[in-house]
Amino acid sequence: MDKLGVMLFLLKEYNEFGTIHPKSAKEISIEVELAPSETYLTLETLQQDGLIWRVGRKNLYRYGIKEESLAHLNKLFSA
């Protein structure tokens, strides 16, 4: 699993646009260059760790960074 790569991608999006736009697992897998199944498992692990959230219905989920963890993670990204 590439937790770091996924989190860096999501933080990069936040730093470029100044807001959090939820991404689908497919969009993330293309950008991070991981297999979709591995990306999905990574996102599930990050969600269980409490770093990201998931919204959607049925199989149409989108993922984003939780606001509570954003300040701490952004400091690490900027360093």
N, C-alpha and C. Protein backbone atom coordinates (compact mmCIF):
# COMPACT_ATOMS: atom_id res chain seq x y z
N MET A 1 0.83 -1.18 0.00
CA MET A 1 0.00 0.00 0.00
C MET A 1 0.87 1.24 0.00
N ASP A 2 0.40 2.24 -0.66
CA ASP A 2 1.15 3.49 -0.77
C ASP A 2 0.38 4.61 -0.07
N LYS A 3 0.31 4.52 1.26
CA LYS A 3 -0.42 5.54 2.03
C LYS A 3 0.17 6.92 1.82
N LEU A 4 1.49 7.00 1.83
CA LEU A 4 2.15 8.29 1.70
C LEU A 4 1.84 8.94 0.35
N GLY A 5 1.90 8.17 -0.71
CA GLY A 5 1.62 8.72 -2.04
C GLY A 5 0.21 9.25 -2.17
N VAL A 6 -0.75 8.53 -1.62
CA VAL A 6 -2.15 8.96 -1.68
C VAL A 6 -2.34 10.23 -0.86
N MET A 7 -1.79 10.26 0.35
CA MET A 7 -1.94 11.45 1.19
C MET A 7 -1.25 12.66 0.57
N LEU A 8 -0.07 12.46 -0.01
CA LEU A 8 0.63 13.58 -0.66
C LEU A 8 -0.18 14.11 -1.84
N PHE A 9 -0.81 13.24 -2.59
CA PHE A 9 -1.64 13.68 -3.71
C PHE A 9 -2.80 14.53 -3.20
N LEU A 10 -3.49 14.06 -2.16
CA LEU A 10 -4.62 14.81 -1.63
C LEU A 10 -4.18 16.15 -1.04
N LEU A 11 -3.04 16.18 -0.37
CA LEU A 11 -2.52 17.44 0.19
C LEU A 11 -2.07 18.39 -0.91
N LYS A 12 -1.50 17.85 -1.97
CA LYS A 12 -1.08 18.68 -3.09
C LYS A 12 -2.29 19.37 -3.72
N GLU A 13 -3.38 18.64 -3.86
CA GLU A 13 -4.61 19.23 -4.38
C GLU A 13 -5.09 20.37 -3.48
N TYR A 14 -5.03 20.16 -2.17
CA TYR A 14 -5.46 21.20 -1.24
C TYR A 14 -4.57 22.43 -1.34
N ASN A 15 -3.26 22.24 -1.42
CA ASN A 15 -2.34 23.37 -1.48
C ASN A 15 -2.45 24.13 -2.78
N GLU A 16 -2.80 23.46 -3.87
CA GLU A 16 -2.95 24.15 -5.15
C GLU A 16 -4.23 24.96 -5.22
N PHE A 17 -5.33 24.40 -4.72
CA PHE A 17 -6.63 25.03 -4.90
C PHE A 17 -7.18 25.67 -3.63
N GLY A 18 -6.58 25.39 -2.48
CA GLY A 18 -7.03 25.98 -1.24
C GLY A 18 -8.33 25.42 -0.70
N THR A 19 -8.78 24.34 -1.26
CA THR A 19 -10.00 23.70 -0.81
C THR A 19 -9.89 22.20 -1.05
N ILE A 20 -10.79 21.46 -0.44
CA ILE A 20 -10.76 20.01 -0.58
C ILE A 20 -11.87 19.59 -1.52
N HIS A 21 -11.50 19.04 -2.66
CA HIS A 21 -12.45 18.48 -3.60
C HIS A 21 -12.35 16.97 -3.51
N PRO A 22 -13.42 16.30 -3.08
CA PRO A 22 -13.35 14.84 -2.97
C PRO A 22 -13.07 14.19 -4.32
N LYS A 23 -12.24 13.18 -4.30
CA LYS A 23 -11.84 12.47 -5.51
C LYS A 23 -12.33 11.04 -5.45
N SER A 24 -12.59 10.47 -6.60
CA SER A 24 -12.95 9.05 -6.65
C SER A 24 -11.68 8.22 -6.56
N ALA A 25 -11.84 6.96 -6.20
CA ALA A 25 -10.69 6.07 -6.09
C ALA A 25 -10.01 5.91 -7.45
N LYS A 26 -10.78 5.94 -8.52
CA LYS A 26 -10.21 5.82 -9.87
C LYS A 26 -9.35 7.03 -10.22
N GLU A 27 -9.83 8.23 -9.90
CA GLU A 27 -9.05 9.44 -10.14
C GLU A 27 -7.73 9.41 -9.37
N ILE A 28 -7.81 8.97 -8.12
CA ILE A 28 -6.61 8.91 -7.29
C ILE A 28 -5.65 7.86 -7.83
N SER A 29 -6.17 6.71 -8.25
CA SER A 29 -5.29 5.64 -8.74
C SER A 29 -4.56 6.06 -10.00
N ILE A 30 -5.19 6.84 -10.85
CA ILE A 30 -4.54 7.32 -12.08
C ILE A 30 -3.41 8.29 -11.73
N GLU A 31 -3.69 9.22 -10.82
CA GLU A 31 -2.69 10.22 -10.44
C GLU A 31 -1.51 9.63 -9.68
N VAL A 32 -1.78 8.65 -8.82
CA VAL A 32 -0.74 8.06 -7.98
C VAL A 32 -0.06 6.89 -8.69
N GLU A 33 -0.63 6.46 -9.79
CA GLU A 33 -0.12 5.35 -10.60
C GLU A 33 -0.10 4.04 -9.81
N LEU A 34 -1.24 3.73 -9.19
CA LEU A 34 -1.44 2.47 -8.49
C LEU A 34 -2.59 1.73 -9.16
N ALA A 35 -2.65 0.45 -8.95
CA ALA A 35 -3.79 -0.33 -9.43
C ALA A 35 -5.03 0.12 -8.66
N PRO A 36 -6.18 0.14 -9.32
CA PRO A 36 -7.40 0.58 -8.62
C PRO A 36 -7.71 -0.22 -7.36
N SER A 37 -7.47 -1.52 -7.39
CA SER A 37 -7.75 -2.33 -6.19
C SER A 37 -6.82 -1.97 -5.05
N GLU A 38 -5.56 -1.71 -5.35
CA GLU A 38 -4.60 -1.32 -4.30
C GLU A 38 -4.94 0.07 -3.77
N THR A 39 -5.36 0.96 -4.64
CA THR A 39 -5.76 2.30 -4.21
C THR A 39 -6.97 2.23 -3.30
N TYR A 40 -7.94 1.40 -3.66
CA TYR A 40 -9.13 1.26 -2.83
C TYR A 40 -8.77 0.73 -1.44
N LEU A 41 -7.90 -0.28 -1.38
CA LEU A 41 -7.48 -0.82 -0.08
C LEU A 41 -6.73 0.22 0.74
N THR A 42 -5.89 1.01 0.08
CA THR A 42 -5.17 2.08 0.77
C THR A 42 -6.13 3.12 1.33
N LEU A 43 -7.13 3.50 0.54
CA LEU A 43 -8.12 4.48 0.99
C LEU A 43 -8.93 3.93 2.17
N GLU A 44 -9.27 2.66 2.12
CA GLU A 44 -10.00 2.05 3.24
C GLU A 44 -9.15 2.09 4.52
N THR A 45 -7.86 1.81 4.39
CA THR A 45 -6.97 1.84 5.55
C THR A 45 -6.86 3.25 6.11
N LEU A 46 -6.71 4.24 5.23
CA LEU A 46 -6.62 5.63 5.68
C LEU A 46 -7.92 6.08 6.34
N GLN A 47 -9.04 5.57 5.85
CA GLN A 47 -10.32 5.91 6.46
C GLN A 47 -10.42 5.30 7.85
N GLN A 48 -9.96 4.08 8.02
CA GLN A 48 -9.98 3.44 9.33
C GLN A 48 -9.04 4.15 10.31
N ASP A 49 -7.95 4.71 9.79
CA ASP A 49 -7.02 5.46 10.62
C ASP A 49 -7.57 6.83 11.01
N GLY A 50 -8.65 7.26 10.37
CA GLY A 50 -9.28 8.53 10.70
C GLY A 50 -8.69 9.74 9.99
N LEU A 51 -7.91 9.51 8.93
CA LEU A 51 -7.29 10.63 8.22
C LEU A 51 -8.15 11.16 7.07
N ILE A 52 -8.95 10.31 6.47
CA ILE A 52 -9.79 10.75 5.36
C ILE A 52 -11.23 10.34 5.63
N TRP A 53 -12.15 10.91 4.86
CA TRP A 53 -13.55 10.57 4.95
C TRP A 53 -14.04 10.08 3.60
N ARG A 54 -15.16 9.41 3.63
CA ARG A 54 -15.75 8.87 2.41
C ARG A 54 -17.21 9.29 2.37
N VAL A 55 -17.66 9.72 1.21
CA VAL A 55 -19.06 10.11 1.04
C VAL A 55 -19.56 9.48 -0.25
N GLY A 56 -20.80 9.12 -0.27
CA GLY A 56 -21.38 8.56 -1.48
C GLY A 56 -22.44 7.53 -1.17
N ARG A 57 -22.93 6.91 -2.22
CA ARG A 57 -23.93 5.86 -2.04
C ARG A 57 -23.63 4.72 -3.00
N LYS A 58 -24.07 3.55 -2.63
CA LYS A 58 -23.80 2.32 -3.37
C LYS A 58 -22.31 2.20 -3.61
N ASN A 59 -21.86 2.15 -4.84
CA ASN A 59 -20.43 2.02 -5.14
C ASN A 59 -19.81 3.31 -5.66
N LEU A 60 -20.51 4.41 -5.55
CA LEU A 60 -20.03 5.70 -6.06
C LEU A 60 -19.50 6.54 -4.91
N TYR A 61 -18.33 6.19 -4.43
CA TYR A 61 -17.73 6.88 -3.28
C TYR A 61 -16.69 7.89 -3.74
N ARG A 62 -16.56 8.95 -2.96
CA ARG A 62 -15.52 9.95 -3.17
C ARG A 62 -14.81 10.15 -1.83
N TYR A 63 -13.52 10.44 -1.91
CA TYR A 63 -12.69 10.51 -0.71
C TYR A 63 -12.05 11.88 -0.59
N GLY A 64 -11.86 12.34 0.64
CA GLY A 64 -11.18 13.60 0.90
C GLY A 64 -10.54 13.57 2.28
N ILE A 65 -9.69 14.52 2.54
CA ILE A 65 -9.00 14.61 3.83
C ILE A 65 -9.96 15.22 4.85
N LYS A 66 -9.95 14.67 6.07
CA LYS A 66 -10.77 15.23 7.14
C LYS A 66 -10.22 16.60 7.54
N GLU A 67 -11.12 17.52 7.81
CA GLU A 67 -10.73 18.88 8.20
C GLU A 67 -9.89 18.88 9.47
N GLU A 68 -10.20 17.97 10.41
CA GLU A 68 -9.48 17.95 11.69
C GLU A 68 -8.01 17.60 11.50
N SER A 69 -7.71 16.72 10.56
CA SER A 69 -6.32 16.28 10.36
C SER A 69 -5.59 17.14 9.34
N LEU A 70 -6.30 18.02 8.67
CA LEU A 70 -5.71 18.80 7.60
C LEU A 70 -4.61 19.74 8.08
N ALA A 71 -4.81 20.43 9.17
CA ALA A 71 -3.82 21.39 9.67
C ALA A 71 -2.50 20.69 10.00
N HIS A 72 -2.57 19.56 10.67
CA HIS A 72 -1.35 18.84 11.04
C HIS A 72 -0.64 18.27 9.81
N LEU A 73 -1.42 17.71 8.90
CA LEU A 73 -0.83 17.12 7.70
C LEU A 73 -0.23 18.18 6.78
N ASN A 74 -0.88 19.35 6.71
CA ASN A 74 -0.38 20.41 5.85
C ASN A 74 0.97 20.93 6.36
N LYS A 75 1.16 20.96 7.67
CA LYS A 75 2.46 21.37 8.22
C LYS A 75 3.55 20.39 7.80
N LEU A 76 3.24 19.11 7.82
CA LEU A 76 4.22 18.10 7.39
C LEU A 76 4.52 18.23 5.90
N PHE A 77 3.47 18.51 5.10
CA PHE A 77 3.65 18.63 3.66
C PHE A 77 4.50 19.84 3.32
N SER A 78 4.31 20.94 4.04
CA SER A 78 5.02 22.18 3.75
C SER A 78 6.49 22.12 4.18
N ALA A 79 6.81 21.27 5.14
CA ALA A 79 8.20 21.20 5.66
C ALA A 79 9.14 20.56 4.68
